[in-house]
Amino acid sequence: MRNLLMKVSYDGTDYNGFQTQPGGHTIQDYLEEAIHRLSGEQLKITASGRTDAGVHARGQVFNFYTASPIPLERWCMALNTWLPEDIVVTEAMEVPEDFHSRRAAKRKTYRYTINANQFPDIFNRRYQIHHYGKLDIEAMRQGLSHLIGTHDYTTFASRKSTKPSHVRTIFDAWIETDTSMCRPGTKDQGIIHTYLTGNGFLQHMVRIIMGTLIEVGEGRRHPDDMRVILEAKNRAAAGPTAMSKGLMLWEVEYDIPSIAETPSIQTT
């Protein structure tokens, strides 16, 4: 029996999130069906975490146990033949038997994208929200800085959260702006990418942070209000939950040597 780790990218627009649920049509459902078609095994995969409906992933990680003799280097290409075109497995490697994608994850990075140009980008509209009004990006940076550290993030958690503790650590948070598509002489501000790296995130946490941060950018809140909002530990103190389509699971990091150092990752 082998324990295989895989990395998958997906456009979550048309799916009911990553995790299997009664309504079906999830990323997990399609991955498990592809594995069944390929190896004949009915199994459950374990992911680094769930993503909600409409949320995308550049680097979701999952693992599963298999008795299949299929060579490691064939898994990615073979699985992709059975997957929809908006789900692509990009890496595969064998990991220790006790490896668990969620419990072993040390750092996760999410990216949230805002198109702050006057007009929407029809080619990237599935991966960004459009905000044509002026945003104070520097104020957003200042507000974001108040969230770095170890805190109780109850304010930025869904009211439906069932986690026993809302204490998490955000290691880093920053904003990058791409102005390459801005039209000279216009009010275009570019594409605003906000990155948050932490040891874990609560349900809707990044989206609530972004909904509140947008209000800072609009001048409806002061950057220092983010500290007060955080300390309130009350969901009502924060802004709205930003739309899911702007959110992407960017990267999941592990510190297990067999993952960090072994050059056997197969990329297709």
C-alpha atoms as a PDB file:
ATOM      1  CA  MET A   1       0.000   0.000   0.000  1.00  0.00           C
ATOM      2  CA  ARG A   2       1.383   3.404  -1.024  1.00  0.00           C
ATOM      3  CA  ASN A   3       0.476   6.827   0.284  1.00  0.00           C
ATOM      4  CA  LEU A   4       0.424   9.228  -2.656  1.00  0.00           C
ATOM      5  CA  LEU A   5       0.439  13.001  -2.438  1.00  0.00           C
ATOM      6  CA  MET A   6      -0.892  15.025  -5.340  1.00  0.00           C
ATOM      7  CA  LYS A   7      -1.276  18.683  -6.189  1.00  0.00           C
ATOM      8  CA  VAL A   8      -4.329  19.869  -8.100  1.00  0.00           C
ATOM      9  CA  SER A   9      -5.371  23.172  -9.672  1.00  0.00           C
ATOM     10  CA  TYR A  10      -8.988  23.974 -10.407  1.00  0.00           C
ATOM     11  CA  ASP A  11     -11.396  26.646 -11.521  1.00  0.00           C
ATOM     12  CA  GLY A  12     -14.053  26.441  -8.827  1.00  0.00           C
ATOM     13  CA  THR A  13     -16.663  28.541 -10.638  1.00  0.00           C
ATOM     14  CA  ASP A  14     -19.016  25.707 -11.531  1.00  0.00           C
ATOM     15  CA  TYR A  15     -18.513  23.511  -8.466  1.00  0.00           C
ATOM     16  CA  ASN A  16     -20.094  23.247  -5.031  1.00  0.00           C
ATOM     17  CA  GLY A  17     -16.720  23.583  -3.352  1.00  0.00           C
ATOM     18  CA  PHE A  18     -13.961  21.040  -2.820  1.00  0.00           C
ATOM     19  CA  GLN A  19     -15.385  18.789  -0.144  1.00  0.00           C
ATOM     20  CA  THR A  20     -17.940  16.072  -0.892  1.00  0.00           C
ATOM     21  CA  GLN A  21     -21.473  17.037   0.147  1.00  0.00           C
ATOM     22  CA  PRO A  22     -25.017  15.694  -0.376  1.00  0.00           C
ATOM     23  CA  GLY A  23     -25.628  17.890  -3.426  1.00  0.00           C
ATOM     24  CA  GLY A  24     -22.589  16.429  -5.185  1.00  0.00           C
ATOM     25  CA  HIS A  25     -20.695  18.147  -8.008  1.00  0.00           C
ATOM     26  CA  THR A  26     -17.598  18.877  -5.954  1.00  0.00           C
ATOM     27  CA  ILE A  27     -13.905  18.765  -6.815  1.00  0.00           C
ATOM     28  CA  GLN A  28     -13.424  15.823  -4.455  1.00  0.00           C
ATOM     29  CA  ASP A  29     -16.183  13.867  -6.195  1.00  0.00           C
ATOM     30  CA  TYR A  30     -14.508  14.231  -9.577  1.00  0.00           C
ATOM     31  CA  LEU A  31     -11.037  13.374  -8.260  1.00  0.00           C
ATOM     32  CA  GLU A  32     -12.267  10.232  -6.517  1.00  0.00           C
ATOM     33  CA  GLU A  33     -14.211   9.164  -9.593  1.00  0.00           C
ATOM     34  CA  ALA A  34     -11.125   9.669 -11.788  1.00  0.00           C
ATOM     35  CA  ILE A  35      -9.017   7.579  -9.394  1.00  0.00           C
ATOM     36  CA  HIS A  36     -11.693   4.871  -9.463  1.00  0.00           C
ATOM     37  CA  ARG A  37     -11.769   4.838 -13.248  1.00  0.00           C
ATOM     38  CA  LEU A  38      -7.999   4.629 -13.384  1.00  0.00           C
ATOM     39  CA  SER A  39      -7.216   2.143 -10.611  1.00  0.00           C
ATOM     40  CA  GLY A  40     -10.547   0.470  -9.931  1.00  0.00           C
ATOM     41  CA  GLU A  41     -10.356   1.544  -6.283  1.00  0.00           C
ATOM     42  CA  GLN A  42     -13.221   3.130  -4.345  1.00  0.00           C
ATOM     43  CA  LEU A  43     -11.472   5.428  -1.897  1.00  0.00           C
ATOM     44  CA  LYS A  44     -11.595   8.765  -0.096  1.00  0.00           C
ATOM     45  CA  ILE A  45      -8.930  11.396  -0.539  1.00  0.00           C
ATOM     46  CA  THR A  46      -7.712  13.711   2.225  1.00  0.00           C
ATOM     47  CA  ALA A  47      -7.151  17.347   1.261  1.00  0.00           C
ATOM     48  CA  SER A  48      -5.151  20.119   2.936  1.00  0.00           C
ATOM     49  CA  GLY A  49      -8.478  21.862   3.538  1.00  0.00           C
ATOM     50  CA  ARG A  50     -11.775  22.665   1.923  1.00  0.00           C
ATOM     51  CA  THR A  51     -12.571  25.535  -0.416  1.00  0.00           C
ATOM     52  CA  ASP A  52     -16.098  26.917  -0.732  1.00  0.00           C
ATOM     53  CA  ALA A  53     -18.284  27.024  -3.814  1.00  0.00           C
ATOM     54  CA  GLY A  54     -16.811  29.313  -6.452  1.00  0.00           C
ATOM     55  CA  VAL A  55     -13.343  29.425  -4.864  1.00  0.00           C
ATOM     56  CA  HIS A  56     -10.365  28.389  -6.995  1.00  0.00           C
ATOM     57  CA  ALA A  57      -7.061  26.675  -6.271  1.00  0.00           C
ATOM     58  CA  ARG A  58      -3.630  26.964  -7.814  1.00  0.00           C
ATOM     59  CA  GLY A  59      -2.034  24.551  -5.348  1.00  0.00           C
ATOM     60  CA  GLN A  60      -4.511  22.369  -3.459  1.00  0.00           C
ATOM     61  CA  VAL A  61      -2.860  19.252  -1.989  1.00  0.00           C
ATOM     62  CA  PHE A  62      -4.438  15.872  -1.259  1.00  0.00           C
ATOM     63  CA  ASN A  63      -3.281  12.362  -0.432  1.00  0.00           C
ATOM     64  CA  PHE A  64      -4.721   8.866  -0.536  1.00  0.00           C
ATOM     65  CA  TYR A  65      -3.706   5.227  -0.026  1.00  0.00           C
ATOM     66  CA  THR A  66      -3.567   2.951  -3.037  1.00  0.00           C
ATOM     67  CA  ALA A  67      -2.686  -0.645  -3.764  1.00  0.00           C
ATOM     68  CA  SER A  68      -2.446   0.109  -7.474  1.00  0.00           C
ATOM     69  CA  PRO A  69       0.847  -0.779  -9.183  1.00  0.00           C
ATOM     70  CA  ILE A  70       0.520   2.169 -11.604  1.00  0.00           C
ATOM     71  CA  PRO A  71       3.966   3.845 -11.807  1.00  0.00           C
ATOM     72  CA  LEU A  72       4.175   7.202 -10.077  1.00  0.00           C
ATOM     73  CA  GLU A  73       5.127   9.043 -13.254  1.00  0.00           C
ATOM     74  CA  ARG A  74       1.888   7.983 -14.977  1.00  0.00           C
ATOM     75  CA  TRP A  75      -0.629   9.173 -12.423  1.00  0.00           C
ATOM     76  CA  CYS A  76      -0.954  12.852 -13.387  1.00  0.00           C
ATOM     77  CA  MET A  77      -1.427  12.373 -17.102  1.00  0.00           C
ATOM     78  CA  ALA A  78      -3.716   9.399 -16.614  1.00  0.00           C
ATOM     79  CA  LEU A  79      -5.964  11.101 -14.082  1.00  0.00           C
ATOM     80  CA  ASN A  80      -6.267  14.215 -16.220  1.00  0.00           C
ATOM     81  CA  THR A  81      -7.743  12.158 -19.058  1.00  0.00           C
ATOM     82  CA  TRP A  82     -10.676  11.357 -16.742  1.00  0.00           C
ATOM     83  CA  LEU A  83     -11.094  14.828 -15.240  1.00  0.00           C
ATOM     84  CA  PRO A  84     -13.044  17.850 -16.546  1.00  0.00           C
ATOM     85  CA  GLU A  85     -10.859  20.425 -18.270  1.00  0.00           C
ATOM     86  CA  ASP A  86     -11.156  22.842 -15.326  1.00  0.00           C
ATOM     87  CA  ILE A  87      -9.526  20.376 -12.899  1.00  0.00           C
ATOM     88  CA  VAL A  88      -5.855  19.465 -13.500  1.00  0.00           C
ATOM     89  CA  VAL A  89      -3.571  17.293 -11.363  1.00  0.00           C
ATOM     90  CA  THR A  90      -0.053  18.718 -11.736  1.00  0.00           C
ATOM     91  CA  GLU A  91       2.194  16.797  -9.326  1.00  0.00           C
ATOM     92  CA  ALA A  92       2.404  13.354  -7.724  1.00  0.00           C
ATOM     93  CA  MET A  93       4.820  11.818  -5.271  1.00  0.00           C
ATOM     94  CA  GLU A  94       4.966   9.054  -2.696  1.00  0.00           C
ATOM     95  CA  VAL A  95       5.018  10.164   0.944  1.00  0.00           C
ATOM     96  CA  PRO A  96       5.421   8.383   4.283  1.00  0.00           C
ATOM     97  CA  GLU A  97       2.563   6.171   5.389  1.00  0.00           C
ATOM     98  CA  ASP A  98       1.590   8.498   8.243  1.00  0.00           C
ATOM     99  CA  PHE A  99       1.477  11.644   6.097  1.00  0.00           C
ATOM    100  CA  HIS A 100      -1.844  13.540   6.319  1.00  0.00           C
ATOM    101  CA  SER A 101      -2.393  16.481   3.972  1.00  0.00           C
ATOM    102  CA  ARG A 102      -4.352  18.587   6.448  1.00  0.00           C
ATOM    103  CA  ARG A 103      -2.528  17.848   9.696  1.00  0.00           C
ATOM    104  CA  ALA A 104       0.938  18.123   8.122  1.00  0.00           C
ATOM    105  CA  ALA A 105       0.304  21.488   6.454  1.00  0.00           C
ATOM    106  CA  LYS A 106       2.432  24.224   8.050  1.00  0.00           C
ATOM    107  CA  ARG A 107       1.596  27.285   5.965  1.00  0.00           C
ATOM    108  CA  LYS A 108      -1.218  28.124   3.570  1.00  0.00           C
ATOM    109  CA  THR A 109      -1.351  31.119   1.277  1.00  0.00           C
ATOM    110  CA  TYR A 110      -4.530  32.524  -0.221  1.00  0.00           C
ATOM    111  CA  ARG A 111      -4.736  35.223  -2.871  1.00  0.00           C
ATOM    112  CA  TYR A 112      -7.698  37.538  -3.369  1.00  0.00           C
ATOM    113  CA  THR A 113      -7.933  39.536  -6.602  1.00  0.00           C
ATOM    114  CA  ILE A 114      -9.711  42.828  -7.252  1.00  0.00           C
ATOM    115  CA  ASN A 115      -9.901  44.442 -10.682  1.00  0.00           C
ATOM    116  CA  ALA A 116      -9.799  48.158  -9.868  1.00  0.00           C
ATOM    117  CA  ASN A 117      -9.911  49.309 -13.477  1.00  0.00           C
ATOM    118  CA  GLN A 118     -12.929  51.115 -14.879  1.00  0.00           C
ATOM    119  CA  PHE A 119     -14.124  48.135 -16.903  1.00  0.00           C
ATOM    120  CA  PRO A 120     -14.286  44.419 -16.110  1.00  0.00           C
ATOM    121  CA  ASP A 121     -11.817  42.058 -17.739  1.00  0.00           C
ATOM    122  CA  ILE A 122     -14.008  39.612 -19.625  1.00  0.00           C
ATOM    123  CA  PHE A 123     -11.176  37.085 -19.910  1.00  0.00           C
ATOM    124  CA  ASN A 124     -10.408  36.986 -16.178  1.00  0.00           C
ATOM    125  CA  ARG A 125     -13.854  37.787 -14.806  1.00  0.00           C
ATOM    126  CA  ARG A 126     -14.148  34.333 -13.212  1.00  0.00           C
ATOM    127  CA  TYR A 127     -11.083  34.926 -11.014  1.00  0.00           C
ATOM    128  CA  GLN A 128     -11.479  38.515  -9.815  1.00  0.00           C
ATOM    129  CA  ILE A 129     -14.125  40.860  -8.549  1.00  0.00           C
ATOM    130  CA  HIS A 130     -14.593  44.190 -10.285  1.00  0.00           C
ATOM    131  CA  HIS A 131     -14.467  47.415  -8.260  1.00  0.00           C
ATOM    132  CA  TYR A 132     -14.550  50.448 -10.535  1.00  0.00           C
ATOM    133  CA  GLY A 133     -14.618  53.052  -7.729  1.00  0.00           C
ATOM    134  CA  LYS A 134     -11.345  54.470  -6.401  1.00  0.00           C
ATOM    135  CA  LEU A 135      -9.606  52.465  -3.692  1.00  0.00           C
ATOM    136  CA  ASP A 136      -6.945  53.795  -1.329  1.00  0.00           C
ATOM    137  CA  ILE A 137      -4.498  50.922  -1.726  1.00  0.00           C
ATOM    138  CA  GLU A 138      -2.014  52.294   0.798  1.00  0.00           C
ATOM    139  CA  ALA A 139      -4.763  52.507   3.425  1.00  0.00           C
ATOM    140  CA  MET A 140      -5.643  48.883   2.651  1.00  0.00           C
ATOM    141  CA  ARG A 141      -1.998  47.911   3.198  1.00  0.00           C
ATOM    142  CA  GLN A 142      -1.971  49.688   6.538  1.00  0.00           C
ATOM    143  CA  GLY A 143      -5.211  48.030   7.607  1.00  0.00           C
ATOM    144  CA  LEU A 144      -3.992  44.611   6.563  1.00  0.00           C
ATOM    145  CA  SER A 145      -0.856  44.960   8.694  1.00  0.00           C
ATOM    146  CA  HIS A 146      -2.953  44.948  11.880  1.00  0.00           C
ATOM    147  CA  LEU A 147      -3.988  41.345  11.237  1.00  0.00           C
ATOM    148  CA  ILE A 148      -0.489  39.847  11.203  1.00  0.00           C
ATOM    149  CA  GLY A 149       0.350  37.756  14.258  1.00  0.00           C
ATOM    150  CA  THR A 150      -1.428  35.249  16.482  1.00  0.00           C
ATOM    151  CA  HIS A 151      -4.954  36.374  17.324  1.00  0.00           C
ATOM    152  CA  ASP A 152      -8.483  35.212  17.963  1.00  0.00           C
ATOM    153  CA  TYR A 153     -10.088  35.820  14.555  1.00  0.00           C
ATOM    154  CA  THR A 154     -13.710  35.312  15.644  1.00  0.00           C
ATOM    155  CA  THR A 155     -14.605  38.657  14.048  1.00  0.00           C
ATOM    156  CA  PHE A 156     -13.531  37.312  10.661  1.00  0.00           C
ATOM    157  CA  ALA A 157     -15.097  33.854  10.964  1.00  0.00           C
ATOM    158  CA  SER A 158     -18.438  32.747   9.619  1.00  0.00           C
ATOM    159  CA  ARG A 159     -21.172  32.650  12.242  1.00  0.00           C
ATOM    160  CA  LYS A 160     -21.603  29.011  11.209  1.00  0.00           C
ATOM    161  CA  SER A 161     -18.042  28.135  12.231  1.00  0.00           C
ATOM    162  CA  THR A 162     -17.906  25.047  14.462  1.00  0.00           C
ATOM    163  CA  LYS A 163     -14.186  25.210  15.243  1.00  0.00           C
ATOM    164  CA  PRO A 164     -13.466  24.901  19.006  1.00  0.00           C
ATOM    165  CA  SER A 165     -10.887  27.692  18.757  1.00  0.00           C
ATOM    166  CA  HIS A 166     -10.655  30.692  16.444  1.00  0.00           C
ATOM    167  CA  VAL A 167      -7.045  31.410  17.316  1.00  0.00           C
ATOM    168  CA  ARG A 168      -4.847  31.345  14.243  1.00  0.00           C
ATOM    169  CA  THR A 169      -1.525  32.842  13.137  1.00  0.00           C
ATOM    170  CA  ILE A 170      -1.106  35.005  10.064  1.00  0.00           C
ATOM    171  CA  PHE A 171       2.604  34.973   9.271  1.00  0.00           C
ATOM    172  CA  ASP A 172       2.503  37.500   6.462  1.00  0.00           C
ATOM    173  CA  ALA A 173       0.027  39.581   4.483  1.00  0.00           C
ATOM    174  CA  TRP A 174       0.760  41.890   1.595  1.00  0.00           C
ATOM    175  CA  ILE A 175      -0.697  43.592  -1.471  1.00  0.00           C
ATOM    176  CA  GLU A 176       0.710  43.606  -4.995  1.00  0.00           C
ATOM    177  CA  THR A 177      -0.657  45.793  -7.779  1.00  0.00           C
ATOM    178  CA  ASP A 178      -0.377  45.008 -11.493  1.00  0.00           C
ATOM    179  CA  THR A 179      -0.843  48.170 -13.553  1.00  0.00           C
ATOM    180  CA  SER A 180       0.215  46.676 -16.889  1.00  0.00           C
ATOM    181  CA  MET A 181      -3.328  46.823 -18.270  1.00  0.00           C
ATOM    182  CA  CYS A 182      -4.113  50.355 -17.074  1.00  0.00           C
ATOM    183  CA  ARG A 183      -5.053  52.790 -19.829  1.00  0.00           C
ATOM    184  CA  PRO A 184      -3.081  56.072 -19.790  1.00  0.00           C
ATOM    185  CA  GLY A 185      -5.081  59.107 -18.735  1.00  0.00           C
ATOM    186  CA  THR A 186      -7.861  57.100 -17.090  1.00  0.00           C
ATOM    187  CA  LYS A 187      -8.846  56.291 -13.506  1.00  0.00           C
ATOM    188  CA  ASP A 188      -7.677  52.687 -13.886  1.00  0.00           C
ATOM    189  CA  GLN A 189      -5.839  51.504 -10.766  1.00  0.00           C
ATOM    190  CA  GLY A 190      -4.842  48.055 -11.957  1.00  0.00           C
ATOM    191  CA  ILE A 191      -5.310  44.551 -10.616  1.00  0.00           C
ATOM    192  CA  ILE A 192      -4.930  44.339  -6.840  1.00  0.00           C
ATOM    193  CA  HIS A 193      -3.729  40.992  -5.464  1.00  0.00           C
ATOM    194  CA  THR A 194      -3.904  40.524  -1.689  1.00  0.00           C
ATOM    195  CA  TYR A 195      -1.970  37.582  -0.227  1.00  0.00           C
ATOM    196  CA  LEU A 196      -2.396  36.116   3.241  1.00  0.00           C
ATOM    197  CA  THR A 197      -0.147  33.363   4.606  1.00  0.00           C
ATOM    198  CA  GLY A 198      -1.069  31.609   7.825  1.00  0.00           C
ATOM    199  CA  ASN A 199      -1.053  28.337   9.703  1.00  0.00           C
ATOM    200  CA  GLY A 200      -4.737  27.904   8.963  1.00  0.00           C
ATOM    201  CA  PHE A 201      -7.875  29.832   8.099  1.00  0.00           C
ATOM    202  CA  LEU A 202     -11.432  29.763   9.394  1.00  0.00           C
ATOM    203  CA  GLN A 203     -14.547  29.420   7.266  1.00  0.00           C
ATOM    204  CA  HIS A 204     -14.943  32.573   5.133  1.00  0.00           C
ATOM    205  CA  MET A 205     -12.053  34.200   7.013  1.00  0.00           C
ATOM    206  CA  VAL A 206     -10.175  35.589   4.017  1.00  0.00           C
ATOM    207  CA  ARG A 207     -13.375  36.739   2.316  1.00  0.00           C
ATOM    208  CA  ILE A 208     -14.574  38.587   5.427  1.00  0.00           C
ATOM    209  CA  ILE A 209     -11.160  40.195   5.821  1.00  0.00           C
ATOM    210  CA  MET A 210     -11.342  41.321   2.210  1.00  0.00           C
ATOM    211  CA  GLY A 211     -14.893  42.633   2.519  1.00  0.00           C
ATOM    212  CA  THR A 212     -13.741  44.749   5.469  1.00  0.00           C
ATOM    213  CA  LEU A 213     -10.521  45.806   3.766  1.00  0.00           C
ATOM    214  CA  ILE A 214     -12.437  47.035   0.732  1.00  0.00           C
ATOM    215  CA  GLU A 215     -14.412  49.306   3.051  1.00  0.00           C
ATOM    216  CA  VAL A 216     -11.074  50.690   4.271  1.00  0.00           C
ATOM    217  CA  GLY A 217     -10.057  51.294   0.665  1.00  0.00           C
ATOM    218  CA  GLU A 218     -13.328  53.091   0.011  1.00  0.00           C
ATOM    219  CA  GLY A 219     -12.712  55.398   2.956  1.00  0.00           C
ATOM    220  CA  ARG A 220     -15.641  54.037   4.943  1.00  0.00           C
ATOM    221  CA  ARG A 221     -13.292  52.773   7.653  1.00  0.00           C
ATOM    222  CA  HIS A 222      -9.905  53.961   8.914  1.00  0.00           C
ATOM    223  CA  PRO A 223      -6.946  51.561   8.558  1.00  0.00           C
ATOM    224  CA  ASP A 224      -6.546  51.476  12.355  1.00  0.00           C
ATOM    225  CA  ASP A 225     -10.155  50.312  12.634  1.00  0.00           C
ATOM    226  CA  MET A 226      -8.939  46.871  11.577  1.00  0.00           C
ATOM    227  CA  ARG A 227      -7.263  46.435  14.959  1.00  0.00           C
ATOM    228  CA  VAL A 228     -10.427  47.456  16.805  1.00  0.00           C
ATOM    229  CA  ILE A 229     -12.543  45.179  14.630  1.00  0.00           C
ATOM    230  CA  LEU A 230     -10.204  42.249  15.274  1.00  0.00           C
ATOM    231  CA  GLU A 231     -10.244  42.801  19.030  1.00  0.00           C
ATOM    232  CA  ALA A 232     -14.060  42.929  19.080  1.00  0.00           C
ATOM    233  CA  LYS A 233     -14.271  39.147  18.445  1.00  0.00           C
ATOM    234  CA  ASN A 234     -17.694  39.774  16.986  1.00  0.00           C
ATOM    235  CA  ARG A 235     -18.661  39.002  13.380  1.00  0.00           C
ATOM    236  CA  ALA A 236     -21.033  41.994  13.377  1.00  0.00           C
ATOM    237  CA  ALA A 237     -18.063  44.352  13.750  1.00  0.00           C
ATOM    238  CA  ALA A 238     -16.588  43.367  10.372  1.00  0.00           C
ATOM    239  CA  GLY A 239     -17.650  44.162   6.842  1.00  0.00           C
ATOM    240  CA  PRO A 240     -19.468  41.917   4.343  1.00  0.00           C
ATOM    241  CA  THR A 241     -18.182  38.610   3.043  1.00  0.00           C
ATOM    242  CA  ALA A 242     -16.456  39.325  -0.287  1.00  0.00           C
ATOM    243  CA  MET A 243     -17.497  37.335  -3.352  1.00  0.00           C
ATOM    244  CA  SER A 244     -15.997  33.857  -3.636  1.00  0.00           C
ATOM    245  CA  LYS A 245     -14.749  34.151  -7.217  1.00  0.00           C
ATOM    246  CA  GLY A 246     -11.899  36.487  -6.244  1.00  0.00           C
ATOM    247  CA  LEU A 247     -10.374  33.922  -3.881  1.00  0.00           C
ATOM    248  CA  MET A 248      -7.731  31.340  -4.768  1.00  0.00           C
ATOM    249  CA  LEU A 249      -5.856  28.826  -2.622  1.00  0.00           C
ATOM    250  CA  TRP A 250      -2.402  29.791  -3.801  1.00  0.00           C
ATOM    251  CA  GLU A 251      -0.007  27.446  -2.016  1.00  0.00           C
ATOM    252  CA  VAL A 252       0.223  24.866   0.778  1.00  0.00           C
ATOM    253  CA  GLU A 253       3.616  24.318   2.393  1.00  0.00           C
ATOM    254  CA  TYR A 254       5.031  21.377   4.353  1.00  0.00           C
ATOM    255  CA  ASP A 255       8.289  20.923   6.223  1.00  0.00           C
ATOM    256  CA  ILE A 256       8.562  17.146   5.897  1.00  0.00           C
ATOM    257  CA  PRO A 257      11.927  16.419   4.186  1.00  0.00           C
ATOM    258  CA  SER A 258      10.446  13.835   1.842  1.00  0.00           C
ATOM    259  CA  ILE A 259       8.181  16.538   0.416  1.00  0.00           C
ATOM    260  CA  ALA A 260      10.494  19.520   0.596  1.00  0.00           C
ATOM    261  CA  GLU A 261      13.635  17.831  -0.719  1.00  0.00           C
ATOM    262  CA  THR A 262      12.797  14.730  -2.720  1.00  0.00           C
ATOM    263  CA  PRO A 263      13.172  15.498  -6.447  1.00  0.00           C
ATOM    264  CA  SER A 264      10.715  12.765  -7.430  1.00  0.00           C
ATOM    265  CA  ILE A 265       7.714  15.066  -7.897  1.00  0.00           C
ATOM    266  CA  GLN A 266       6.247  14.343 -11.297  1.00  0.00           C
ATOM    267  CA  THR A 267       5.030  17.351 -13.233  1.00  0.00           C
ATOM    268  CA  THR A 268       2.958  17.181 -16.386  1.00  0.00           C
END
